[in-house]
Amino acid sequence: MRVLGIDPGLTRCGLGVVESDGSQRLNLVDVGVFQTSRDEPLEVRLMQLEVECELWMERLKPDVVAVERVFSQANRRTAISTGQAAGVALLVASRRGITVAMHTPTEVKAAVTGSGRAEKKQVAMMVQRILRLESIPKPVDSTDALALAICHLWRGVGETRVREAALADRMRQVRKGTP
């Protein structure tokens, strides 16, 4: 399974693709950060992000896109722009028929480090160790994207299968005319 993790942001958006062959061993496929200029109008920045997400999904063909769920932030303006960036990623994946999963920062930290209260540095060090990398990817947005992909591969696969099975069952019921 191949997962594209997206750490959404309007100024910097982290993207990281991790692959699993079904075992616990994970492999880095690609990682990067896409940036937009604060000087550009919002709609241009969102369109630039859409194009970049399209390119990543077309080139790397993920099975799942894992996006950070924004649930609260002290800075309302940052939360809104993060939500807008996440919406673009969700739209692009949905348009392509790619399964989408959302994970909270606490879920990601717990999956990668064993503690939902881990510091960013601990997460980055564990991403390096899990993927057997020579160095920690920079900037932190790229490490966060990889952590999202790892989280989904380790925790979200089962949840996705349950959700897909429930959806298939519901579709069968609808086809049979059962409300």
N, C-alpha and C. Protein backbone atom coordinates (compact mmCIF):
# COMPACT_ATOMS: atom_id res chain seq x y z
N MET A 1 0.85 -1.18 0.00
CA MET A 1 0.00 0.00 0.00
C MET A 1 0.88 1.23 0.00
N ARG A 2 0.46 2.22 -0.74
CA ARG A 2 1.20 3.48 -0.86
C ARG A 2 0.33 4.61 -0.33
N VAL A 3 0.88 5.38 0.63
CA VAL A 3 0.12 6.45 1.27
C VAL A 3 0.84 7.78 1.07
N LEU A 4 0.08 8.77 0.61
CA LEU A 4 0.57 10.14 0.51
C LEU A 4 0.09 10.88 1.75
N GLY A 5 1.03 11.27 2.60
CA GLY A 5 0.71 12.07 3.77
C GLY A 5 0.82 13.54 3.40
N ILE A 6 -0.17 14.31 3.82
CA ILE A 6 -0.16 15.75 3.53
C ILE A 6 -0.33 16.51 4.83
N ASP A 7 0.69 17.32 5.14
CA ASP A 7 0.64 18.23 6.27
C ASP A 7 0.21 19.58 5.68
N PRO A 8 -1.10 19.87 5.73
CA PRO A 8 -1.60 21.02 4.99
C PRO A 8 -1.15 22.36 5.56
N GLY A 9 -0.87 23.25 4.66
CA GLY A 9 -0.52 24.61 5.02
C GLY A 9 -0.57 25.45 3.77
N LEU A 10 -0.91 26.69 3.94
CA LEU A 10 -1.02 27.57 2.78
C LEU A 10 0.33 28.14 2.39
N THR A 11 1.18 28.42 3.37
CA THR A 11 2.51 28.92 3.07
C THR A 11 3.46 27.77 2.76
N ARG A 12 3.41 26.73 3.60
CA ARG A 12 4.22 25.52 3.37
C ARG A 12 3.34 24.30 3.57
N CYS A 13 3.34 23.42 2.59
CA CYS A 13 2.56 22.19 2.65
C CYS A 13 3.52 21.02 2.51
N GLY A 14 3.58 20.18 3.54
CA GLY A 14 4.45 19.02 3.50
C GLY A 14 3.78 17.86 2.79
N LEU A 15 4.55 17.16 1.95
CA LEU A 15 4.05 16.01 1.22
C LEU A 15 5.05 14.87 1.37
N GLY A 16 4.56 13.70 1.73
CA GLY A 16 5.46 12.57 1.90
C GLY A 16 4.76 11.27 1.54
N VAL A 17 5.43 10.45 0.75
CA VAL A 17 4.84 9.18 0.33
C VAL A 17 5.65 8.04 0.94
N VAL A 18 4.92 7.13 1.61
CA VAL A 18 5.52 5.97 2.25
C VAL A 18 4.78 4.74 1.72
N GLU A 19 5.53 3.67 1.56
CA GLU A 19 4.97 2.44 1.00
C GLU A 19 5.24 1.27 1.94
N SER A 20 4.27 0.34 1.98
CA SER A 20 4.42 -0.87 2.77
C SER A 20 4.09 -2.05 1.87
N ASP A 21 4.86 -3.12 2.04
CA ASP A 21 4.58 -4.33 1.27
C ASP A 21 3.67 -5.28 2.03
N GLY A 22 3.07 -4.78 3.11
CA GLY A 22 2.20 -5.61 3.93
C GLY A 22 2.85 -6.01 5.24
N SER A 23 4.16 -5.87 5.32
CA SER A 23 4.87 -6.16 6.57
C SER A 23 4.97 -4.85 7.36
N GLN A 24 5.64 -4.91 8.48
CA GLN A 24 5.85 -3.70 9.28
C GLN A 24 6.93 -2.79 8.68
N ARG A 25 7.67 -3.32 7.72
CA ARG A 25 8.75 -2.54 7.10
C ARG A 25 8.17 -1.50 6.14
N LEU A 26 8.52 -0.24 6.35
CA LEU A 26 8.04 0.85 5.52
C LEU A 26 9.19 1.45 4.74
N ASN A 27 8.88 1.97 3.54
CA ASN A 27 9.89 2.57 2.69
C ASN A 27 9.48 3.95 2.24
N LEU A 28 10.43 4.87 2.27
CA LEU A 28 10.22 6.21 1.75
C LEU A 28 10.18 6.14 0.23
N VAL A 29 9.17 6.76 -0.35
CA VAL A 29 9.07 6.85 -1.81
C VAL A 29 9.49 8.24 -2.25
N ASP A 30 8.95 9.27 -1.59
CA ASP A 30 9.30 10.65 -1.93
C ASP A 30 8.85 11.56 -0.80
N VAL A 31 9.49 12.71 -0.71
CA VAL A 31 9.13 13.69 0.32
C VAL A 31 9.49 15.08 -0.20
N GLY A 32 8.69 16.06 0.22
CA GLY A 32 8.98 17.43 -0.19
C GLY A 32 8.06 18.41 0.49
N VAL A 33 8.30 19.67 0.22
CA VAL A 33 7.48 20.75 0.75
C VAL A 33 7.15 21.68 -0.40
N PHE A 34 5.88 22.03 -0.51
CA PHE A 34 5.45 22.99 -1.52
C PHE A 34 5.17 24.31 -0.82
N GLN A 35 5.68 25.40 -1.39
CA GLN A 35 5.50 26.71 -0.78
C GLN A 35 4.75 27.65 -1.72
N THR A 36 3.94 28.52 -1.10
CA THR A 36 3.31 29.59 -1.87
C THR A 36 3.72 30.91 -1.23
N SER A 37 3.66 31.96 -2.01
CA SER A 37 4.06 33.29 -1.54
C SER A 37 2.89 34.00 -0.86
N ARG A 38 3.17 34.59 0.27
CA ARG A 38 2.15 35.36 0.99
C ARG A 38 1.71 36.58 0.19
N ASP A 39 2.52 36.96 -0.80
CA ASP A 39 2.20 38.13 -1.63
C ASP A 39 1.12 37.83 -2.68
N GLU A 40 0.88 36.56 -2.95
CA GLU A 40 -0.12 36.17 -3.95
C GLU A 40 -1.51 36.20 -3.32
N PRO A 41 -2.53 36.46 -4.13
CA PRO A 41 -3.91 36.39 -3.61
C PRO A 41 -4.25 34.96 -3.17
N LEU A 42 -5.14 34.86 -2.22
CA LEU A 42 -5.54 33.56 -1.67
C LEU A 42 -5.94 32.57 -2.75
N GLU A 43 -6.77 33.00 -3.68
CA GLU A 43 -7.27 32.09 -4.70
C GLU A 43 -6.15 31.55 -5.59
N VAL A 44 -5.13 32.35 -5.82
CA VAL A 44 -3.97 31.91 -6.62
C VAL A 44 -3.18 30.88 -5.83
N ARG A 45 -2.99 31.13 -4.54
CA ARG A 45 -2.24 30.19 -3.70
C ARG A 45 -2.95 28.85 -3.60
N LEU A 46 -4.27 28.87 -3.46
CA LEU A 46 -5.04 27.63 -3.40
C LEU A 46 -4.95 26.87 -4.73
N MET A 47 -4.99 27.60 -5.84
CA MET A 47 -4.87 26.96 -7.14
C MET A 47 -3.47 26.36 -7.33
N GLN A 48 -2.43 27.06 -6.85
CA GLN A 48 -1.07 26.52 -6.94
C GLN A 48 -0.97 25.23 -6.14
N LEU A 49 -1.58 25.22 -4.96
CA LEU A 49 -1.57 24.02 -4.13
C LEU A 49 -2.33 22.88 -4.81
N GLU A 50 -3.44 23.20 -5.44
CA GLU A 50 -4.20 22.17 -6.17
C GLU A 50 -3.34 21.55 -7.26
N VAL A 51 -2.66 22.37 -8.04
CA VAL A 51 -1.81 21.87 -9.12
C VAL A 51 -0.72 20.97 -8.56
N GLU A 52 -0.09 21.38 -7.47
CA GLU A 52 0.98 20.58 -6.86
C GLU A 52 0.45 19.24 -6.35
N CYS A 53 -0.70 19.25 -5.69
CA CYS A 53 -1.30 17.99 -5.22
C CYS A 53 -1.63 17.09 -6.40
N GLU A 54 -2.16 17.65 -7.46
CA GLU A 54 -2.46 16.86 -8.67
C GLU A 54 -1.18 16.21 -9.20
N LEU A 55 -0.09 16.98 -9.27
CA LEU A 55 1.17 16.45 -9.78
C LEU A 55 1.67 15.29 -8.92
N TRP A 56 1.63 15.45 -7.60
CA TRP A 56 2.08 14.40 -6.69
C TRP A 56 1.23 13.14 -6.85
N MET A 57 -0.07 13.32 -6.92
CA MET A 57 -0.96 12.15 -7.03
C MET A 57 -0.82 11.47 -8.38
N GLU A 58 -0.64 12.24 -9.42
CA GLU A 58 -0.46 11.66 -10.75
C GLU A 58 0.86 10.90 -10.84
N ARG A 59 1.92 11.51 -10.33
CA ARG A 59 3.26 10.92 -10.44
C ARG A 59 3.45 9.72 -9.52
N LEU A 60 2.91 9.78 -8.30
CA LEU A 60 3.22 8.76 -7.30
C LEU A 60 2.10 7.75 -7.05
N LYS A 61 0.93 7.99 -7.59
CA LYS A 61 -0.17 7.03 -7.57
C LYS A 61 -0.44 6.43 -6.18
N PRO A 62 -0.78 7.27 -5.19
CA PRO A 62 -1.07 6.72 -3.86
C PRO A 62 -2.39 5.96 -3.84
N ASP A 63 -2.46 4.98 -2.95
CA ASP A 63 -3.71 4.25 -2.71
C ASP A 63 -4.61 5.02 -1.76
N VAL A 64 -3.97 5.77 -0.86
CA VAL A 64 -4.67 6.53 0.17
C VAL A 64 -3.97 7.87 0.34
N VAL A 65 -4.74 8.89 0.65
CA VAL A 65 -4.18 10.19 1.02
C VAL A 65 -4.55 10.42 2.48
N ALA A 66 -3.54 10.61 3.32
CA ALA A 66 -3.75 10.87 4.75
C ALA A 66 -3.46 12.34 5.02
N VAL A 67 -4.45 13.04 5.55
CA VAL A 67 -4.35 14.48 5.77
C VAL A 67 -4.51 14.76 7.26
N GLU A 68 -3.75 15.74 7.74
CA GLU A 68 -3.89 16.11 9.15
C GLU A 68 -5.23 16.77 9.37
N ARG A 69 -5.94 16.27 10.37
CA ARG A 69 -7.24 16.84 10.74
C ARG A 69 -6.99 18.05 11.64
N VAL A 70 -7.47 19.19 11.19
CA VAL A 70 -7.33 20.42 11.97
C VAL A 70 -8.54 20.52 12.87
N PHE A 71 -8.31 20.44 14.17
CA PHE A 71 -9.46 20.50 15.06
C PHE A 71 -9.46 21.74 15.93
N SER A 72 -8.30 22.29 16.22
CA SER A 72 -8.23 23.56 16.94
C SER A 72 -6.81 24.07 16.91
N GLN A 73 -6.71 25.34 16.88
CA GLN A 73 -5.42 26.00 16.99
C GLN A 73 -5.66 27.32 17.68
N ALA A 74 -4.66 27.80 18.42
CA ALA A 74 -4.81 29.06 19.13
C ALA A 74 -4.99 30.21 18.14
N ASN A 75 -4.29 30.16 17.02
CA ASN A 75 -4.35 31.21 16.03
C ASN A 75 -5.46 30.90 15.02
N ARG A 76 -6.57 31.60 15.11
CA ARG A 76 -7.72 31.33 14.25
C ARG A 76 -7.38 31.50 12.77
N ARG A 77 -6.58 32.51 12.44
CA ARG A 77 -6.21 32.76 11.04
C ARG A 77 -5.41 31.57 10.47
N THR A 78 -4.49 31.04 11.28
CA THR A 78 -3.71 29.89 10.84
C THR A 78 -4.61 28.67 10.67
N ALA A 79 -5.55 28.48 11.57
CA ALA A 79 -6.46 27.35 11.48
C ALA A 79 -7.30 27.42 10.21
N ILE A 80 -7.74 28.61 9.86
CA ILE A 80 -8.55 28.77 8.66
C ILE A 80 -7.74 28.47 7.41
N SER A 81 -6.53 29.01 7.32
CA SER A 81 -5.71 28.76 6.13
C SER A 81 -5.29 27.29 6.04
N THR A 82 -5.03 26.66 7.20
CA THR A 82 -4.70 25.24 7.21
C THR A 82 -5.91 24.42 6.73
N GLY A 83 -7.09 24.80 7.18
CA GLY A 83 -8.31 24.13 6.74
C GLY A 83 -8.56 24.30 5.25
N GLN A 84 -8.25 25.48 4.72
CA GLN A 84 -8.41 25.69 3.28
C GLN A 84 -7.46 24.80 2.49
N ALA A 85 -6.22 24.70 2.95
CA ALA A 85 -5.23 23.86 2.29
C ALA A 85 -5.64 22.38 2.37
N ALA A 86 -6.14 21.97 3.53
CA ALA A 86 -6.60 20.58 3.68
C ALA A 86 -7.77 20.31 2.74
N GLY A 87 -8.66 21.28 2.59
CA GLY A 87 -9.80 21.12 1.69
C GLY A 87 -9.37 20.91 0.25
N VAL A 88 -8.33 21.61 -0.17
CA VAL A 88 -7.81 21.43 -1.52
C VAL A 88 -7.31 20.00 -1.69
N ALA A 89 -6.54 19.52 -0.73
CA ALA A 89 -5.99 18.15 -0.80
C ALA A 89 -7.12 17.12 -0.84
N LEU A 90 -8.14 17.31 -0.02
CA LEU A 90 -9.28 16.39 0.01
C LEU A 90 -10.02 16.40 -1.33
N LEU A 91 -10.20 17.58 -1.89
CA LEU A 91 -10.89 17.70 -3.17
C LEU A 91 -10.13 16.98 -4.29
N VAL A 92 -8.82 17.20 -4.35
CA VAL A 92 -8.01 16.58 -5.41
C VAL A 92 -8.06 15.06 -5.29
N ALA A 93 -7.90 14.55 -4.07
CA ALA A 93 -7.94 13.09 -3.87
C ALA A 93 -9.31 12.53 -4.22
N SER A 94 -10.35 13.19 -3.78
CA SER A 94 -11.71 12.73 -4.04
C SER A 94 -12.00 12.73 -5.53
N ARG A 95 -11.59 13.77 -6.22
CA ARG A 95 -11.80 13.86 -7.66
C ARG A 95 -11.14 12.70 -8.39
N ARG A 96 -10.02 12.21 -7.85
CA ARG A 96 -9.28 11.10 -8.46
C ARG A 96 -9.77 9.74 -7.97
N GLY A 97 -10.72 9.73 -7.04
CA GLY A 97 -11.23 8.46 -6.52
C GLY A 97 -10.29 7.80 -5.53
N ILE A 98 -9.42 8.57 -4.92
CA ILE A 98 -8.45 8.04 -3.95
C ILE A 98 -9.06 8.12 -2.55
N THR A 99 -8.97 7.05 -1.81
CA THR A 99 -9.47 7.02 -0.43
C THR A 99 -8.75 8.08 0.38
N VAL A 100 -9.50 8.78 1.23
CA VAL A 100 -8.95 9.83 2.07
C VAL A 100 -9.13 9.44 3.53
N ALA A 101 -8.09 9.68 4.32
CA ALA A 101 -8.17 9.46 5.77
C ALA A 101 -7.65 10.71 6.45
N MET A 102 -8.24 11.02 7.58
CA MET A 102 -7.79 12.18 8.34
C MET A 102 -7.37 11.70 9.73
N HIS A 103 -6.24 12.22 10.18
CA HIS A 103 -5.70 11.86 11.49
C HIS A 103 -5.34 13.12 12.25
N THR A 104 -5.65 13.12 13.55
CA THR A 104 -5.30 14.26 14.38
C THR A 104 -3.81 14.22 14.71
N PRO A 105 -3.23 15.36 15.07
CA PRO A 105 -1.82 15.37 15.47
C PRO A 105 -1.54 14.40 16.62
N THR A 106 -2.47 14.27 17.56
CA THR A 106 -2.28 13.36 18.69
C THR A 106 -2.22 11.91 18.22
N GLU A 107 -3.10 11.53 17.28
CA GLU A 107 -3.07 10.18 16.73
C GLU A 107 -1.75 9.90 16.02
N VAL A 108 -1.28 10.88 15.27
CA VAL A 108 -0.02 10.71 14.53
C VAL A 108 1.14 10.52 15.49
N LYS A 109 1.22 11.39 16.49
CA LYS A 109 2.31 11.30 17.48
C LYS A 109 2.28 9.96 18.19
N ALA A 110 1.09 9.51 18.59
CA ALA A 110 0.95 8.24 19.30
C ALA A 110 1.37 7.07 18.41
N ALA A 111 0.98 7.11 17.14
CA ALA A 111 1.33 6.02 16.23
C ALA A 111 2.82 5.94 15.98
N VAL A 112 3.46 7.09 15.85
CA VAL A 112 4.88 7.12 15.47
C VAL A 112 5.81 6.98 16.68
N THR A 113 5.44 7.58 17.81
CA THR A 113 6.34 7.58 18.97
C THR A 113 5.83 6.76 20.15
N GLY A 114 4.54 6.44 20.16
CA GLY A 114 3.97 5.75 21.31
C GLY A 114 3.36 6.70 22.32
N SER A 115 3.53 8.02 22.09
CA SER A 115 2.97 9.02 23.00
C SER A 115 2.29 10.12 22.19
N GLY A 116 1.04 10.39 22.52
CA GLY A 116 0.31 11.46 21.85
C GLY A 116 0.78 12.84 22.23
N ARG A 117 1.68 12.91 23.22
CA ARG A 117 2.20 14.20 23.67
C ARG A 117 3.65 14.43 23.25
N ALA A 118 4.13 13.64 22.34
CA ALA A 118 5.53 13.74 21.90
C ALA A 118 5.81 15.10 21.28
N GLU A 119 7.04 15.53 21.43
CA GLU A 119 7.50 16.78 20.82
C GLU A 119 7.80 16.54 19.34
N LYS A 120 7.80 17.61 18.56
CA LYS A 120 8.09 17.49 17.13
C LYS A 120 9.44 16.83 16.87
N LYS A 121 10.42 17.13 17.71
CA LYS A 121 11.75 16.55 17.52
C LYS A 121 11.71 15.02 17.69
N GLN A 122 10.94 14.54 18.66
CA GLN A 122 10.80 13.10 18.87
C GLN A 122 10.14 12.45 17.66
N VAL A 123 9.11 13.10 17.12
CA VAL A 123 8.42 12.57 15.94
C VAL A 123 9.41 12.49 14.78
N ALA A 124 10.17 13.56 14.58
CA ALA A 124 11.14 13.60 13.47
C ALA A 124 12.19 12.50 13.62
N MET A 125 12.66 12.29 14.83
CA MET A 125 13.67 11.24 15.05
C MET A 125 13.09 9.85 14.80
N MET A 126 11.85 9.63 15.18
CA MET A 126 11.22 8.33 14.94
C MET A 126 10.94 8.11 13.45
N VAL A 127 10.55 9.16 12.74
CA VAL A 127 10.35 9.04 11.29
C VAL A 127 11.68 8.63 10.65
N GLN A 128 12.76 9.26 11.07
CA GLN A 128 14.08 8.91 10.54
C GLN A 128 14.40 7.44 10.81
N ARG A 129 14.13 7.00 12.01
CA ARG A 129 14.44 5.62 12.40
C ARG A 129 13.54 4.62 11.67
N ILE A 130 12.23 4.89 11.64
CA ILE A 130 11.28 3.98 11.01
C ILE A 130 11.58 3.79 9.52
N LEU A 131 11.93 4.89 8.86
CA LEU A 131 12.18 4.83 7.41
C LEU A 131 13.65 4.58 7.08
N ARG A 132 14.47 4.41 8.13
CA ARG A 132 15.90 4.13 7.95
C ARG A 132 16.59 5.20 7.09
N LEU A 133 16.37 6.46 7.44
CA LEU A 133 16.93 7.57 6.69
C LEU A 133 18.25 8.01 7.30
N GLU A 134 19.14 8.50 6.47
CA GLU A 134 20.43 8.99 6.97
C GLU A 134 20.28 10.26 7.79
N SER A 135 19.32 11.10 7.42
CA SER A 135 19.10 12.34 8.17
C SER A 135 17.60 12.61 8.24
N ILE A 136 17.25 13.53 9.12
CA ILE A 136 15.85 13.92 9.29
C ILE A 136 15.48 14.87 8.16
N PRO A 137 14.40 14.59 7.44
CA PRO A 137 13.98 15.49 6.36
C PRO A 137 13.68 16.89 6.91
N LYS A 138 14.03 17.89 6.16
CA LYS A 138 13.78 19.28 6.53
C LYS A 138 12.97 19.94 5.43
N PRO A 139 12.16 20.92 5.72
CA PRO A 139 11.75 21.40 7.03
C PRO A 139 10.79 20.43 7.70
N VAL A 140 10.33 20.81 8.87
CA VAL A 140 9.50 19.94 9.70
C VAL A 140 8.21 19.54 9.00
N ASP A 141 7.71 20.35 8.08
CA ASP A 141 6.47 20.02 7.37
C ASP A 141 6.61 18.69 6.60
N SER A 142 7.80 18.44 6.07
CA SER A 142 8.02 17.19 5.34
C SER A 142 8.03 16.00 6.30
N THR A 143 8.63 16.16 7.45
CA THR A 143 8.64 15.09 8.46
C THR A 143 7.22 14.81 8.95
N ASP A 144 6.45 15.88 9.14
CA ASP A 144 5.06 15.72 9.59
C ASP A 144 4.24 14.96 8.54
N ALA A 145 4.48 15.24 7.26
CA ALA A 145 3.76 14.53 6.20
C ALA A 145 4.10 13.04 6.20
N LEU A 146 5.38 12.74 6.39
CA LEU A 146 5.79 11.32 6.47
C LEU A 146 5.17 10.65 7.69
N ALA A 147 5.11 11.36 8.80
CA ALA A 147 4.51 10.81 10.02
C ALA A 147 3.03 10.50 9.79
N LEU A 148 2.34 11.34 9.05
CA LEU A 148 0.93 11.08 8.71
C LEU A 148 0.80 9.80 7.90
N ALA A 149 1.67 9.62 6.92
CA ALA A 149 1.63 8.41 6.10
C ALA A 149 1.91 7.17 6.95
N ILE A 150 2.91 7.26 7.81
CA ILE A 150 3.26 6.15 8.70
C ILE A 150 2.07 5.83 9.61
N CYS A 151 1.49 6.86 10.19
CA CYS A 151 0.33 6.67 11.07
C CYS A 151 -0.76 5.91 10.34
N HIS A 152 -1.04 6.32 9.12
CA HIS A 152 -2.12 5.64 8.40
C HIS A 152 -1.76 4.19 8.11
N LEU A 153 -0.54 3.94 7.74
CA LEU A 153 -0.14 2.56 7.44
C LEU A 153 -0.21 1.68 8.68
N TRP A 154 0.10 2.22 9.83
CA TRP A 154 0.11 1.42 11.05
C TRP A 154 -1.23 1.38 11.77
N ARG A 155 -2.02 2.46 11.68
CA ARG A 155 -3.26 2.52 12.43
C ARG A 155 -4.49 2.61 11.55
N GLY A 156 -4.37 3.29 10.44
CA GLY A 156 -5.54 3.61 9.65
C GLY A 156 -5.98 2.54 8.67
N VAL A 157 -5.10 1.59 8.33
CA VAL A 157 -5.45 0.58 7.34
C VAL A 157 -6.65 -0.23 7.81
N GLY A 158 -6.64 -0.65 9.05
CA GLY A 158 -7.77 -1.41 9.58
C GLY A 158 -9.04 -0.59 9.61
N GLU A 159 -8.92 0.68 10.02
CA GLU A 159 -10.08 1.56 10.05
C GLU A 159 -10.64 1.76 8.65
N THR A 160 -9.77 1.92 7.68
CA THR A 160 -10.20 2.10 6.29
C THR A 160 -10.93 0.86 5.80
N ARG A 161 -10.41 -0.32 6.10
CA ARG A 161 -11.06 -1.57 5.67
C ARG A 161 -12.45 -1.71 6.28
N VAL A 162 -12.59 -1.36 7.55
CA VAL A 162 -13.89 -1.43 8.21
C VAL A 162 -14.85 -0.44 7.56
N ARG A 163 -14.38 0.80 7.31
CA ARG A 163 -15.21 1.82 6.68
C ARG A 163 -15.64 1.38 5.27
N GLU A 164 -14.70 0.83 4.49
CA GLU A 164 -15.02 0.39 3.14
C GLU A 164 -16.00 -0.79 3.15
N ALA A 165 -15.84 -1.71 4.11
CA ALA A 165 -16.76 -2.84 4.22
C ALA A 165 -18.16 -2.36 4.59
N ALA A 166 -18.25 -1.41 5.51
CA ALA A 166 -19.55 -0.86 5.90
C ALA A 166 -20.20 -0.14 4.73
N LEU A 167 -19.41 0.59 3.97
CA LEU A 167 -19.94 1.29 2.80
C LEU A 167 -20.44 0.30 1.76
N ALA A 168 -19.68 -0.76 1.50
CA ALA A 168 -20.09 -1.78 0.54
C ALA A 168 -21.38 -2.45 0.99
N ASP A 169 -21.48 -2.73 2.28
CA ASP A 169 -22.70 -3.34 2.83
C ASP A 169 -23.88 -2.40 2.65
N ARG A 170 -23.68 -1.14 2.93
CA ARG A 170 -24.75 -0.15 2.78
C ARG A 170 -25.18 -0.04 1.32
N MET A 171 -24.22 -0.08 0.40
CA MET A 171 -24.53 -0.01 -1.03
C MET A 171 -25.37 -1.21 -1.44
N ARG A 172 -25.04 -2.41 -0.92
CA ARG A 172 -25.84 -3.61 -1.22
C ARG A 172 -27.27 -3.45 -0.72
N GLN A 173 -27.41 -2.87 0.48
CA GLN A 173 -28.74 -2.66 1.04
C GLN A 173 -29.56 -1.70 0.17
N VAL A 174 -28.90 -0.64 -0.28
CA VAL A 174 -29.60 0.35 -1.11
C VAL A 174 -30.03 -0.28 -2.43
N ARG A 175 -29.15 -1.11 -3.02
CA ARG A 175 -29.49 -1.77 -4.28
C ARG A 175 -30.68 -2.72 -4.11
N LYS A 176 -30.80 -3.34 -2.94
CA LYS A 176 -31.91 -4.26 -2.67
C LYS A 176 -33.18 -3.51 -2.31
N GLY A 177 -33.07 -2.20 -2.10
CA GLY A 177 -34.24 -1.40 -1.74
C GLY A 177 -34.49 -1.34 -0.27
N THR A 178 -33.52 -1.78 0.55
CA THR A 178 -33.65 -1.71 2.01
C THR A 178 -33.24 -0.31 2.47
N PRO A 179 -34.10 0.39 3.20
CA PRO A 179 -33.75 1.75 3.65
C PRO A 179 -32.61 1.79 4.63
